[in-house]
Every structure is written in structure tokens, then in C-alpha cells.
N, C-alpha and C. Protein backbone atom coordinates (compact mmCIF):
# COMPACT_ATOMS: atom_id res chain seq x y z
N MET A 1 14.44 14.99 29.66
CA MET A 1 13.25 15.74 29.68
C MET A 1 12.87 16.08 28.20
N ALA A 2 13.81 16.40 27.36
CA ALA A 2 13.60 16.79 25.92
C ALA A 2 13.23 15.52 25.25
N ARG A 3 13.92 14.38 25.53
CA ARG A 3 13.45 13.08 24.80
C ARG A 3 12.09 12.63 25.13
N ARG A 4 11.64 12.93 26.52
CA ARG A 4 10.32 12.67 26.83
C ARG A 4 9.26 13.49 26.07
N THR A 5 9.62 14.73 25.96
CA THR A 5 8.73 15.69 25.22
C THR A 5 8.69 15.21 23.75
N LYS A 6 9.63 14.91 23.18
CA LYS A 6 9.76 14.46 21.78
C LYS A 6 8.85 13.07 21.66
N ALA A 7 9.01 12.34 22.54
CA ALA A 7 8.23 11.12 22.48
C ALA A 7 6.74 11.28 22.73
N GLU A 8 6.34 12.34 23.58
CA GLU A 8 4.99 12.58 23.82
C GLU A 8 4.38 13.20 22.56
N ALA A 9 5.15 14.06 21.87
CA ALA A 9 4.72 14.71 20.55
C ALA A 9 4.53 13.65 19.59
N ALA A 10 5.48 12.65 19.46
CA ALA A 10 5.25 11.59 18.54
C ALA A 10 3.90 10.81 18.79
N ALA A 11 3.74 10.61 20.12
CA ALA A 11 2.57 9.72 20.51
C ALA A 11 1.21 10.53 20.25
N THR A 12 1.28 11.81 20.36
CA THR A 12 0.16 12.73 20.04
C THR A 12 -0.19 12.53 18.46
N ARG A 13 0.95 12.80 17.73
CA ARG A 13 0.73 12.63 16.22
C ARG A 13 0.18 11.38 15.92
N GLU A 14 0.67 10.25 16.47
CA GLU A 14 -0.03 8.89 16.04
C GLU A 14 -1.30 8.82 16.47
N ALA A 15 -1.67 9.29 17.67
CA ALA A 15 -3.13 9.22 18.17
C ALA A 15 -3.95 10.04 17.22
N LEU A 16 -3.53 11.13 16.73
CA LEU A 16 -4.38 11.94 15.72
C LEU A 16 -4.54 11.12 14.41
N LEU A 17 -3.53 10.47 14.02
CA LEU A 17 -3.68 9.61 12.74
C LEU A 17 -4.57 8.54 12.98
N ASP A 18 -4.66 7.85 14.23
CA ASP A 18 -5.49 6.75 14.47
C ASP A 18 -6.95 7.23 14.48
N ALA A 19 -7.08 8.40 15.04
CA ALA A 19 -8.43 9.13 15.05
C ALA A 19 -8.94 9.41 13.76
N ALA A 20 -7.97 9.88 12.87
CA ALA A 20 -8.37 10.22 11.58
C ALA A 20 -8.86 9.02 10.68
N GLU A 21 -8.03 7.94 10.92
CA GLU A 21 -8.45 6.62 10.21
C GLU A 21 -9.97 6.30 10.59
N GLU A 22 -10.26 6.35 11.92
CA GLU A 22 -11.58 5.87 12.43
C GLU A 22 -12.70 6.84 11.78
N VAL A 23 -12.42 8.17 11.83
CA VAL A 23 -13.47 8.97 11.38
C VAL A 23 -13.57 9.18 9.84
N PHE A 24 -12.51 9.03 9.20
CA PHE A 24 -12.54 9.01 7.65
C PHE A 24 -13.33 7.82 7.19
N LEU A 25 -13.11 6.69 7.91
CA LEU A 25 -13.81 5.45 7.55
C LEU A 25 -15.20 5.57 7.74
N GLU A 26 -15.56 6.15 8.88
CA GLU A 26 -17.08 6.28 9.22
C GLU A 26 -17.76 7.34 8.34
N LYS A 27 -17.05 8.54 8.14
CA LYS A 27 -17.89 9.62 7.52
C LYS A 27 -17.37 9.93 6.18
N GLY A 28 -16.21 9.43 5.79
CA GLY A 28 -15.69 9.88 4.50
C GLY A 28 -14.72 11.03 4.65
N VAL A 29 -13.81 11.14 3.74
CA VAL A 29 -12.71 12.17 3.98
C VAL A 29 -13.37 13.60 3.71
N ALA A 30 -14.14 13.79 2.70
CA ALA A 30 -14.64 15.21 2.39
C ALA A 30 -15.50 15.67 3.50
N ARG A 31 -16.31 14.70 4.18
CA ARG A 31 -17.27 15.11 5.15
C ARG A 31 -16.65 15.12 6.65
N THR A 32 -15.32 15.03 6.68
CA THR A 32 -14.72 15.02 8.03
C THR A 32 -13.97 16.26 8.17
N SER A 33 -14.12 16.99 9.28
CA SER A 33 -13.33 18.18 9.59
C SER A 33 -12.23 17.74 10.55
N LEU A 34 -11.19 18.73 10.60
CA LEU A 34 -10.15 18.60 11.53
C LEU A 34 -10.66 18.70 12.98
N GLU A 35 -11.68 19.37 13.28
CA GLU A 35 -12.25 19.58 14.49
C GLU A 35 -12.85 18.26 15.01
N GLN A 36 -13.48 17.44 14.09
CA GLN A 36 -14.12 16.17 14.45
C GLN A 36 -12.94 15.16 14.84
N ILE A 37 -11.84 15.27 13.97
CA ILE A 37 -10.76 14.36 14.31
C ILE A 37 -10.12 14.70 15.67
N ALA A 38 -9.96 15.98 15.85
CA ALA A 38 -9.41 16.27 17.24
C ALA A 38 -10.33 15.78 18.38
N ARG A 39 -11.60 16.06 18.20
CA ARG A 39 -12.49 15.63 19.35
C ARG A 39 -12.47 14.15 19.54
N HIS A 40 -12.36 13.43 18.32
CA HIS A 40 -12.42 11.90 18.53
C HIS A 40 -11.11 11.51 19.14
N ALA A 41 -10.01 12.29 19.06
CA ALA A 41 -8.73 11.87 19.72
C ALA A 41 -8.64 12.42 21.13
N GLY A 42 -9.76 13.24 21.58
CA GLY A 42 -9.74 13.82 22.87
C GLY A 42 -8.65 14.98 23.04
N MET A 43 -8.56 15.68 21.84
CA MET A 43 -7.61 16.86 21.78
C MET A 43 -8.18 18.07 21.25
N THR A 44 -7.50 19.13 21.12
CA THR A 44 -7.98 20.38 20.54
C THR A 44 -7.53 20.49 19.18
N ARG A 45 -8.27 21.29 18.36
CA ARG A 45 -7.95 21.55 16.91
C ARG A 45 -6.49 22.04 16.80
N GLY A 46 -6.04 22.86 17.89
CA GLY A 46 -4.66 23.40 17.84
C GLY A 46 -3.76 22.28 17.79
N ALA A 47 -3.94 21.10 18.45
CA ALA A 47 -2.96 20.01 18.42
C ALA A 47 -2.82 19.47 17.13
N VAL A 48 -3.94 19.42 16.26
CA VAL A 48 -3.96 18.92 14.85
C VAL A 48 -2.99 19.87 14.09
N TYR A 49 -3.19 21.16 14.23
CA TYR A 49 -2.41 22.11 13.44
C TYR A 49 -1.01 22.21 13.83
N TRP A 50 -0.80 21.76 15.03
CA TRP A 50 0.60 21.73 15.50
C TRP A 50 1.46 20.69 14.68
N HIS A 51 0.70 19.54 14.38
CA HIS A 51 1.40 18.46 13.59
C HIS A 51 1.18 18.36 12.07
N PHE A 52 0.10 19.01 11.69
CA PHE A 52 -0.27 18.97 10.25
C PHE A 52 -0.73 20.26 9.79
N LYS A 53 -0.34 20.63 8.47
CA LYS A 53 -0.70 21.89 7.99
C LYS A 53 -2.20 21.95 7.68
N ASN A 54 -2.78 20.92 7.25
CA ASN A 54 -4.10 20.94 6.82
C ASN A 54 -4.66 19.43 6.76
N LYS A 55 -5.83 19.18 6.18
CA LYS A 55 -6.33 17.92 6.06
C LYS A 55 -5.68 17.07 5.08
N ALA A 56 -5.11 17.62 4.02
CA ALA A 56 -4.35 16.96 2.99
C ALA A 56 -3.08 16.39 3.51
N ASP A 57 -2.43 17.29 4.39
CA ASP A 57 -1.21 16.89 4.94
C ASP A 57 -1.30 15.64 5.87
N LEU A 58 -2.52 15.81 6.61
CA LEU A 58 -2.83 14.60 7.55
C LEU A 58 -3.13 13.40 6.80
N PHE A 59 -3.88 13.53 5.76
CA PHE A 59 -4.26 12.48 4.84
C PHE A 59 -2.93 11.69 4.37
N GLN A 60 -2.03 12.57 3.79
CA GLN A 60 -0.81 11.98 3.21
C GLN A 60 -0.02 11.24 4.31
N ALA A 61 0.01 11.83 5.44
CA ALA A 61 0.72 11.12 6.66
C ALA A 61 0.07 9.76 7.02
N MET A 62 -1.28 9.78 6.94
CA MET A 62 -1.94 8.54 7.24
C MET A 62 -1.61 7.45 6.20
N LEU A 63 -1.47 7.88 4.82
CA LEU A 63 -1.06 6.98 3.79
C LEU A 63 0.40 6.40 3.92
N CYS A 64 1.18 7.39 4.42
CA CYS A 64 2.68 7.02 4.50
C CYS A 64 2.81 5.83 5.57
N ARG A 65 1.96 5.85 6.55
CA ARG A 65 2.07 4.64 7.44
C ARG A 65 1.88 3.38 6.92
N VAL A 66 1.15 3.24 5.69
CA VAL A 66 0.82 1.94 5.10
C VAL A 66 1.61 1.83 3.77
N ARG A 67 2.38 2.72 3.26
CA ARG A 67 2.87 2.58 1.91
C ARG A 67 3.81 1.45 1.98
N MET A 68 3.84 0.79 0.76
CA MET A 68 4.53 -0.50 0.69
C MET A 68 5.32 -0.48 -0.67
N PRO A 69 6.36 0.44 -0.82
CA PRO A 69 7.12 0.37 -2.06
C PRO A 69 7.63 -1.00 -2.26
N PHE A 70 7.49 -1.40 -3.56
CA PHE A 70 7.83 -2.80 -3.95
C PHE A 70 9.33 -3.18 -3.54
N GLN A 71 10.23 -2.13 -3.84
CA GLN A 71 11.58 -2.43 -3.52
C GLN A 71 11.87 -2.64 -2.05
N GLU A 72 11.09 -1.98 -1.10
CA GLU A 72 11.26 -2.23 0.20
C GLU A 72 10.67 -3.62 0.67
N LEU A 73 9.58 -4.06 -0.01
CA LEU A 73 9.10 -5.35 0.24
C LEU A 73 10.12 -6.39 -0.16
N ILE A 74 10.85 -6.24 -1.25
CA ILE A 74 12.01 -7.18 -1.61
C ILE A 74 13.05 -7.06 -0.57
N ALA A 75 13.50 -5.79 -0.27
CA ALA A 75 14.64 -5.68 0.72
C ALA A 75 14.43 -6.33 2.03
N GLU A 76 13.19 -6.41 2.41
CA GLU A 76 12.84 -7.11 3.77
C GLU A 76 13.09 -8.53 3.64
N ILE A 77 13.08 -9.12 2.36
CA ILE A 77 13.25 -10.68 2.36
C ILE A 77 14.73 -10.91 2.73
N ALA A 78 15.59 -10.13 2.33
CA ALA A 78 17.09 -10.33 2.72
C ALA A 78 17.56 -11.73 2.34
N GLU A 79 17.40 -12.18 1.07
CA GLU A 79 18.04 -13.34 0.72
C GLU A 79 18.85 -13.08 -0.48
N PRO A 80 20.17 -12.97 -0.39
CA PRO A 80 21.10 -12.66 -1.54
C PRO A 80 20.86 -13.41 -2.77
N SER A 81 20.45 -14.73 -2.51
CA SER A 81 20.37 -15.53 -3.80
C SER A 81 19.19 -15.14 -4.68
N LEU A 82 18.31 -14.22 -4.13
CA LEU A 82 17.20 -13.74 -4.99
C LEU A 82 17.77 -12.87 -6.06
N MET A 83 18.86 -12.36 -6.06
CA MET A 83 19.42 -11.63 -7.08
C MET A 83 19.41 -12.47 -8.45
N GLU A 84 19.71 -13.67 -8.30
CA GLU A 84 19.71 -14.52 -9.52
C GLU A 84 18.35 -15.29 -9.76
N ARG A 85 17.31 -14.93 -8.88
CA ARG A 85 16.03 -15.50 -9.06
C ARG A 85 14.91 -14.45 -8.94
N PRO A 86 14.82 -13.48 -9.94
CA PRO A 86 13.96 -12.42 -9.90
C PRO A 86 12.60 -12.71 -9.79
N LEU A 87 12.10 -13.91 -10.54
CA LEU A 87 10.75 -14.34 -10.32
C LEU A 87 10.36 -14.70 -8.95
N GLU A 88 11.24 -15.46 -8.19
CA GLU A 88 10.93 -15.75 -6.92
C GLU A 88 10.95 -14.53 -6.05
N ALA A 89 11.86 -13.54 -6.29
CA ALA A 89 11.88 -12.31 -5.55
C ALA A 89 10.41 -11.53 -5.75
N ILE A 90 9.98 -11.58 -6.97
CA ILE A 90 8.53 -10.95 -7.20
C ILE A 90 7.58 -11.70 -6.24
N ARG A 91 7.54 -13.00 -6.43
CA ARG A 91 6.61 -13.85 -5.61
C ARG A 91 6.67 -13.47 -4.20
N LEU A 92 7.87 -13.48 -3.55
CA LEU A 92 8.01 -13.26 -2.15
C LEU A 92 7.62 -11.86 -1.74
N ALA A 93 7.89 -10.87 -2.55
CA ALA A 93 7.65 -9.50 -2.35
C ALA A 93 6.16 -9.22 -2.27
N ILE A 94 5.50 -9.82 -3.25
CA ILE A 94 4.06 -9.71 -3.38
C ILE A 94 3.31 -10.39 -2.18
N GLN A 95 3.84 -11.50 -1.81
CA GLN A 95 3.26 -12.34 -0.69
C GLN A 95 3.41 -11.42 0.58
N ASN A 96 4.63 -10.83 0.79
CA ASN A 96 4.81 -9.88 1.89
C ASN A 96 3.79 -8.76 1.89
N GLY A 97 3.61 -8.12 0.70
CA GLY A 97 2.52 -7.19 0.66
C GLY A 97 1.24 -7.59 0.89
N PHE A 98 0.89 -8.72 0.48
CA PHE A 98 -0.52 -9.34 0.82
C PHE A 98 -0.64 -9.47 2.47
N GLU A 99 0.37 -10.06 3.01
CA GLU A 99 0.24 -10.19 4.48
C GLU A 99 0.12 -8.94 5.20
N ARG A 100 0.82 -7.85 4.70
CA ARG A 100 0.57 -6.53 5.40
C ARG A 100 -0.80 -5.91 5.19
N LEU A 101 -1.27 -6.30 3.99
CA LEU A 101 -2.69 -5.71 3.67
C LEU A 101 -3.64 -6.27 4.61
N GLU A 102 -3.54 -7.55 5.12
CA GLU A 102 -4.45 -8.15 5.98
C GLU A 102 -4.37 -7.57 7.50
N GLN A 103 -3.36 -6.66 7.70
CA GLN A 103 -3.31 -6.07 9.03
C GLN A 103 -4.42 -4.94 9.08
N PRO A 104 -5.08 -4.85 10.19
CA PRO A 104 -6.34 -4.02 10.28
C PRO A 104 -5.98 -2.62 9.86
N ARG A 105 -4.89 -1.99 10.13
CA ARG A 105 -4.55 -0.66 9.75
C ARG A 105 -4.42 -0.55 8.21
N HIS A 106 -3.69 -1.34 7.65
CA HIS A 106 -3.41 -1.31 6.19
C HIS A 106 -4.77 -1.55 5.43
N ARG A 107 -5.62 -2.47 6.02
CA ARG A 107 -6.97 -2.60 5.30
C ARG A 107 -7.76 -1.41 5.44
N ARG A 108 -7.75 -0.76 6.65
CA ARG A 108 -8.61 0.44 6.83
C ARG A 108 -8.15 1.50 5.98
N VAL A 109 -6.99 1.87 5.93
CA VAL A 109 -6.40 2.97 5.19
C VAL A 109 -6.65 2.85 3.70
N HIS A 110 -6.41 1.59 3.15
CA HIS A 110 -6.73 1.39 1.70
C HIS A 110 -8.20 1.40 1.41
N ALA A 111 -9.01 1.01 2.38
CA ALA A 111 -10.46 1.11 2.15
C ALA A 111 -10.92 2.57 2.08
N ILE A 112 -10.29 3.50 3.00
CA ILE A 112 -10.56 4.81 2.97
C ILE A 112 -10.17 5.40 1.56
N LEU A 113 -8.90 5.09 1.10
CA LEU A 113 -8.39 5.64 -0.08
C LEU A 113 -9.41 5.26 -1.26
N VAL A 114 -9.74 4.00 -1.26
CA VAL A 114 -10.53 3.49 -2.48
C VAL A 114 -12.07 3.84 -2.42
N HIS A 115 -12.55 3.58 -1.21
CA HIS A 115 -14.08 3.77 -1.04
C HIS A 115 -14.61 4.88 -0.28
N HIS A 116 -13.78 5.50 0.39
CA HIS A 116 -14.26 6.78 1.23
C HIS A 116 -13.68 8.01 1.10
N CYS A 117 -13.07 8.22 -0.15
CA CYS A 117 -12.34 9.39 -0.37
C CYS A 117 -12.75 10.02 -1.82
N GLU A 118 -13.11 11.24 -1.80
CA GLU A 118 -13.52 11.90 -3.05
C GLU A 118 -12.33 12.92 -3.28
N VAL A 119 -12.42 13.57 -4.51
CA VAL A 119 -11.41 14.51 -4.83
C VAL A 119 -11.89 15.81 -4.03
N PHE A 120 -11.02 16.34 -3.17
CA PHE A 120 -11.29 17.35 -2.26
C PHE A 120 -10.22 18.20 -1.91
N GLY A 121 -10.25 19.41 -2.43
CA GLY A 121 -9.00 20.42 -2.10
C GLY A 121 -7.88 19.81 -2.78
N ASP A 122 -6.81 19.65 -2.07
CA ASP A 122 -5.55 19.05 -2.34
C ASP A 122 -5.45 17.57 -2.38
N ILE A 123 -6.57 16.93 -2.05
CA ILE A 123 -6.65 15.47 -2.06
C ILE A 123 -7.25 14.98 -3.22
N ASP A 124 -6.40 14.12 -4.02
CA ASP A 124 -6.93 13.46 -5.21
C ASP A 124 -6.65 12.02 -5.11
N PRO A 125 -7.57 11.27 -4.68
CA PRO A 125 -7.38 9.76 -4.40
C PRO A 125 -7.00 9.05 -5.67
N LEU A 126 -7.59 9.40 -6.92
CA LEU A 126 -7.15 8.64 -8.04
C LEU A 126 -5.71 8.87 -8.44
N ALA A 127 -5.22 10.17 -8.25
CA ALA A 127 -3.85 10.35 -8.50
C ALA A 127 -2.92 9.63 -7.60
N MET A 128 -3.33 9.47 -6.37
CA MET A 128 -2.51 8.70 -5.34
C MET A 128 -2.49 7.29 -5.67
N GLN A 129 -3.62 6.76 -6.14
CA GLN A 129 -3.61 5.28 -6.52
C GLN A 129 -2.75 5.06 -7.71
N ASN A 130 -2.90 5.93 -8.70
CA ASN A 130 -2.04 5.89 -9.87
C ASN A 130 -0.55 5.94 -9.60
N GLU A 131 -0.21 6.81 -8.68
CA GLU A 131 1.20 6.86 -8.26
C GLU A 131 1.75 5.56 -7.65
N MET A 132 0.96 5.00 -6.89
CA MET A 132 1.39 3.80 -6.23
C MET A 132 1.49 2.58 -7.31
N ALA A 133 0.38 2.69 -8.25
CA ALA A 133 0.33 1.61 -9.28
C ALA A 133 1.52 1.80 -10.12
N ASN A 134 1.92 2.97 -10.57
CA ASN A 134 3.05 3.28 -11.46
C ASN A 134 4.36 2.79 -10.85
N GLU A 135 4.61 3.09 -9.56
CA GLU A 135 5.71 2.69 -8.79
C GLU A 135 5.80 1.22 -8.80
N ALA A 136 4.79 0.52 -8.44
CA ALA A 136 4.84 -0.99 -8.43
C ALA A 136 5.11 -1.60 -9.90
N CYS A 137 4.41 -1.07 -10.88
CA CYS A 137 4.60 -1.54 -12.25
C CYS A 137 6.05 -1.21 -12.79
N GLY A 138 6.62 -0.25 -12.38
CA GLY A 138 8.04 0.06 -12.69
C GLY A 138 8.96 -0.83 -12.13
N ALA A 139 8.78 -1.23 -10.86
CA ALA A 139 9.60 -2.13 -10.04
C ALA A 139 9.42 -3.47 -10.75
N LEU A 140 8.14 -3.92 -11.01
CA LEU A 140 8.03 -5.16 -11.66
C LEU A 140 8.71 -5.31 -12.96
N THR A 141 8.58 -4.26 -13.69
CA THR A 141 9.30 -4.31 -15.03
C THR A 141 10.77 -4.54 -14.82
N ASP A 142 11.30 -3.84 -13.95
CA ASP A 142 12.73 -4.03 -13.70
C ASP A 142 13.10 -5.52 -13.44
N HIS A 143 12.26 -6.08 -12.57
CA HIS A 143 12.56 -7.57 -12.27
C HIS A 143 12.32 -8.50 -13.26
N PHE A 144 11.17 -8.22 -13.95
CA PHE A 144 10.96 -9.02 -15.18
C PHE A 144 12.13 -8.92 -16.33
N THR A 145 12.56 -7.64 -16.38
CA THR A 145 13.76 -7.46 -17.32
C THR A 145 14.92 -8.26 -16.92
N CYS A 146 15.21 -8.41 -15.66
CA CYS A 146 16.27 -9.15 -14.99
C CYS A 146 16.05 -10.67 -15.38
N ALA A 147 14.75 -11.08 -15.11
CA ALA A 147 14.51 -12.42 -15.52
C ALA A 147 14.71 -12.78 -16.99
N ALA A 148 14.34 -11.93 -17.87
CA ALA A 148 14.47 -12.10 -19.31
C ALA A 148 16.03 -12.16 -19.59
N ARG A 149 16.77 -11.30 -18.94
CA ARG A 149 18.19 -11.42 -19.22
C ARG A 149 18.84 -12.62 -18.65
N LEU A 150 18.32 -13.13 -17.81
CA LEU A 150 18.78 -14.52 -17.16
C LEU A 150 18.07 -15.75 -17.85
N GLY A 151 17.38 -15.53 -18.78
CA GLY A 151 16.72 -16.66 -19.52
C GLY A 151 15.73 -17.26 -18.80
N GLN A 152 15.03 -16.64 -17.82
CA GLN A 152 13.94 -17.19 -16.93
C GLN A 152 12.60 -16.79 -17.38
N LEU A 153 12.41 -15.81 -18.19
CA LEU A 153 11.07 -15.19 -18.64
C LEU A 153 10.84 -16.01 -20.03
N ARG A 154 9.68 -16.41 -20.20
CA ARG A 154 9.32 -17.06 -21.54
C ARG A 154 9.60 -16.09 -22.73
N GLU A 155 10.05 -16.70 -23.82
CA GLU A 155 10.56 -15.70 -24.89
C GLU A 155 9.45 -14.83 -25.60
N ASP A 156 8.27 -15.46 -25.54
CA ASP A 156 7.22 -14.68 -26.14
C ASP A 156 6.45 -13.55 -25.49
N LEU A 157 7.13 -13.32 -24.25
CA LEU A 157 6.48 -12.33 -23.28
C LEU A 157 7.53 -11.35 -22.83
N SER A 158 7.26 -10.07 -23.32
CA SER A 158 8.23 -8.97 -22.95
C SER A 158 8.02 -8.66 -21.57
N PRO A 159 9.16 -8.06 -20.87
CA PRO A 159 9.06 -7.62 -19.44
C PRO A 159 8.08 -6.65 -19.23
N GLU A 160 7.78 -5.77 -20.11
CA GLU A 160 6.75 -4.74 -19.97
C GLU A 160 5.27 -5.40 -19.92
N ASN A 161 5.06 -6.29 -20.87
CA ASN A 161 3.81 -7.10 -20.80
C ASN A 161 3.49 -7.92 -19.58
N ALA A 162 4.69 -8.52 -19.10
CA ALA A 162 4.73 -9.26 -17.96
C ALA A 162 4.34 -8.49 -16.77
N ALA A 163 4.86 -7.24 -16.76
CA ALA A 163 4.61 -6.45 -15.65
C ALA A 163 3.06 -6.00 -15.67
N GLU A 164 2.53 -5.77 -16.91
CA GLU A 164 1.21 -5.22 -17.02
C GLU A 164 0.22 -6.41 -16.58
N LEU A 165 0.55 -7.56 -16.97
CA LEU A 165 -0.22 -8.66 -16.55
C LEU A 165 -0.20 -8.90 -15.15
N MET A 166 0.88 -8.90 -14.43
CA MET A 166 1.02 -8.94 -13.00
C MET A 166 0.14 -7.80 -12.25
N GLN A 167 0.42 -6.67 -12.84
CA GLN A 167 -0.32 -5.45 -12.17
C GLN A 167 -1.75 -5.63 -12.37
N ALA A 168 -2.24 -6.14 -13.45
CA ALA A 168 -3.73 -6.27 -13.57
C ALA A 168 -4.32 -7.46 -12.68
N LEU A 169 -3.46 -8.58 -12.45
CA LEU A 169 -3.83 -9.58 -11.53
C LEU A 169 -3.88 -8.99 -10.11
N LEU A 170 -2.96 -8.19 -9.78
CA LEU A 170 -2.81 -7.57 -8.36
C LEU A 170 -3.93 -6.61 -8.14
N GLY A 171 -4.26 -5.79 -9.08
CA GLY A 171 -5.36 -4.88 -9.02
C GLY A 171 -6.66 -5.53 -8.85
N GLY A 172 -6.92 -6.50 -9.61
CA GLY A 172 -8.19 -7.18 -9.50
C GLY A 172 -8.33 -7.84 -8.19
N LEU A 173 -7.34 -8.61 -7.77
CA LEU A 173 -7.41 -9.20 -6.47
C LEU A 173 -7.62 -8.16 -5.23
N PHE A 174 -6.86 -7.11 -5.35
CA PHE A 174 -6.92 -6.08 -4.34
C PHE A 174 -8.33 -5.49 -4.17
N HIS A 175 -8.93 -5.14 -5.25
CA HIS A 175 -10.20 -4.55 -5.32
C HIS A 175 -11.32 -5.53 -4.89
N ASP A 176 -11.17 -6.78 -5.33
CA ASP A 176 -12.18 -7.79 -5.04
C ASP A 176 -12.15 -8.00 -3.45
N TRP A 177 -10.94 -8.13 -2.99
CA TRP A 177 -10.87 -8.39 -1.52
C TRP A 177 -11.20 -7.12 -0.69
N LEU A 178 -10.83 -5.98 -1.09
CA LEU A 178 -11.25 -4.79 -0.39
C LEU A 178 -12.72 -4.57 -0.32
N ARG A 179 -13.51 -5.05 -1.32
CA ARG A 179 -14.90 -4.92 -1.32
C ARG A 179 -15.51 -5.80 -0.18
N ASN A 180 -14.89 -6.97 0.05
CA ASN A 180 -15.51 -7.85 1.05
C ASN A 180 -14.30 -8.69 1.56
N HIS A 181 -13.54 -8.21 2.49
CA HIS A 181 -12.32 -8.76 2.96
C HIS A 181 -12.68 -10.12 3.75
N GLU A 182 -13.90 -10.32 4.13
CA GLU A 182 -14.11 -11.55 4.77
C GLU A 182 -14.40 -12.76 3.91
N ARG A 183 -14.59 -12.52 2.65
CA ARG A 183 -14.87 -13.59 1.77
C ARG A 183 -13.69 -14.45 1.37
N PHE A 184 -12.43 -13.87 1.43
CA PHE A 184 -11.28 -14.78 1.17
C PHE A 184 -10.12 -14.06 1.71
N SER A 185 -8.99 -14.78 2.02
CA SER A 185 -7.64 -14.29 2.49
C SER A 185 -6.91 -13.89 1.33
N ILE A 186 -6.58 -12.66 1.25
CA ILE A 186 -5.76 -12.17 0.08
C ILE A 186 -4.29 -12.76 0.19
N ALA A 187 -3.85 -12.98 1.43
CA ALA A 187 -2.56 -13.58 1.66
C ALA A 187 -2.50 -14.93 1.17
N THR A 188 -3.54 -15.72 1.36
CA THR A 188 -3.61 -17.08 1.02
C THR A 188 -4.05 -17.30 -0.49
N LYS A 189 -5.13 -16.75 -0.88
CA LYS A 189 -5.71 -16.95 -2.17
C LYS A 189 -4.66 -16.17 -3.18
N GLY A 190 -4.41 -14.83 -2.79
CA GLY A 190 -3.62 -14.08 -3.66
C GLY A 190 -2.30 -14.59 -3.98
N SER A 191 -1.63 -15.11 -2.92
CA SER A 191 -0.28 -15.69 -3.12
C SER A 191 -0.40 -16.93 -3.96
N GLU A 192 -1.48 -17.76 -3.96
CA GLU A 192 -1.58 -18.89 -4.74
C GLU A 192 -1.74 -18.70 -6.27
N LEU A 193 -2.66 -17.50 -6.47
CA LEU A 193 -2.75 -17.06 -7.87
C LEU A 193 -1.61 -16.44 -8.47
N VAL A 194 -0.83 -15.72 -7.67
CA VAL A 194 0.34 -14.99 -8.25
C VAL A 194 1.46 -16.05 -8.41
N ALA A 195 1.57 -16.98 -7.59
CA ALA A 195 2.55 -18.23 -7.96
C ALA A 195 2.13 -18.84 -9.13
N LEU A 196 0.91 -19.04 -9.40
CA LEU A 196 0.36 -19.70 -10.74
C LEU A 196 0.75 -18.79 -11.92
N GLN A 197 0.57 -17.52 -11.72
CA GLN A 197 0.71 -16.58 -12.75
C GLN A 197 2.29 -16.50 -13.15
N LEU A 198 3.15 -16.46 -12.20
CA LEU A 198 4.55 -16.49 -12.43
C LEU A 198 4.90 -17.80 -13.04
N GLU A 199 4.35 -18.94 -12.67
CA GLU A 199 4.88 -20.22 -13.37
C GLU A 199 4.48 -20.12 -14.82
N LEU A 200 3.38 -19.62 -15.16
CA LEU A 200 2.82 -19.46 -16.56
C LEU A 200 3.84 -18.52 -17.37
N MET A 201 4.46 -17.63 -16.69
CA MET A 201 5.40 -16.69 -17.31
C MET A 201 6.79 -17.21 -17.39
N ARG A 202 7.16 -18.20 -16.77
CA ARG A 202 8.44 -18.82 -16.62
C ARG A 202 8.72 -19.53 -17.95
N ARG A 203 10.03 -19.33 -18.40
CA ARG A 203 10.47 -20.18 -19.69
C ARG A 203 10.50 -21.55 -19.27
N PRO A 204 10.05 -22.50 -20.19
CA PRO A 204 10.03 -23.85 -19.86
C PRO A 204 11.47 -24.46 -19.74
């Protein structure tokens, strides 16, 4: 009985997050109330407050469902040989991230964060985007440092500059694709450009 109740609570929480995605995308975060999210989910506002302290807490939970820490993307590849091939690890991790971005939920939530969210109360979309970018750039720097140590990174390119170059490419691709995701596949085109960039960074 307890297990079923716990499962039902989890299902209610997910349904509220699903509803929040849809309403945020339609109305914007600042113009959406918890009452509207509850109604959209077919629930009461009390159900929202049972699971979330406030709108900022709900928004953070929605983001957590699509967070893609770089180290997790690499860990999912599960190829021990990549320890000695950090540039290939970077390529595969980014490709993994691109493929996830094309999933509807990931695309919706990132569109909300970038295009449908203003600074509002405890919600600061720019700070959240900076946090994600800094995490990714730090992980990229670590892997480019490993590549340099193994003699795989071109000598005139520092790991820090390599990470910033890759971050700039990823940011440009992400925002271009998010503005019009039907124009090109980020998994296909993005992976192609990242592979080309890494080849240019590789020591001859």
C-alpha cells in the first residue's frame, strides 16, 4: 500500500511538471501562476504546494529533468579506452547531448529557459544558463588538459582556449537550432561540426 502511495505521489509530481512545461511554453514563466499549472494538470493548487515550495522550486525541478552534466554524458558512453582518447570522449559526449536535445521534453524546457523566462522572484534564467555553461566549460578544460598531456592537442592551443572555442561553437549551434529547430538537426549537423572542430584541434 505504501509503495503504491509513493508511486502515485511520484506520478502526480511528474504530471505537474509536465503541465508546467506546457503552460510556461505558452504563456511564459513570469505570466504563469501555480493555479494555472494546477488547473492544466487537472489538480488543485494544494497539490502543487504539496510537492513544490513555490514557482522557483517547480522551475528548478523542471530543469533538473533535462540537465546534462558533461561528466554524466561521458560516463554513459562506458568505453574504458576513452581514458586514453580524451578528444574522442569529448566528441561522443557532445553527440550524446545533441541527441538528447532533440527529444521533445529537452527541446521544450531549453526553449522555456532561453526564450520564455524573465528574471522573476528567485528565478534568474541568465544565472542558470551561466551555471550550465561554466560546468560544461570546466569539464571540457579537464579533457583538453588530458589531451595536451597525452600529446594529442596541437601545441599552439592551450586547453583553456580549446575549451572556450568548443564552448563558443556549442553555444552558437544551440541557440541557432533552438530558434528554429526544424531548419536542421542539431544531432546531425552539430555532430559534424564538432568532429571537424576537434580535428582542427588535434596535433598533426
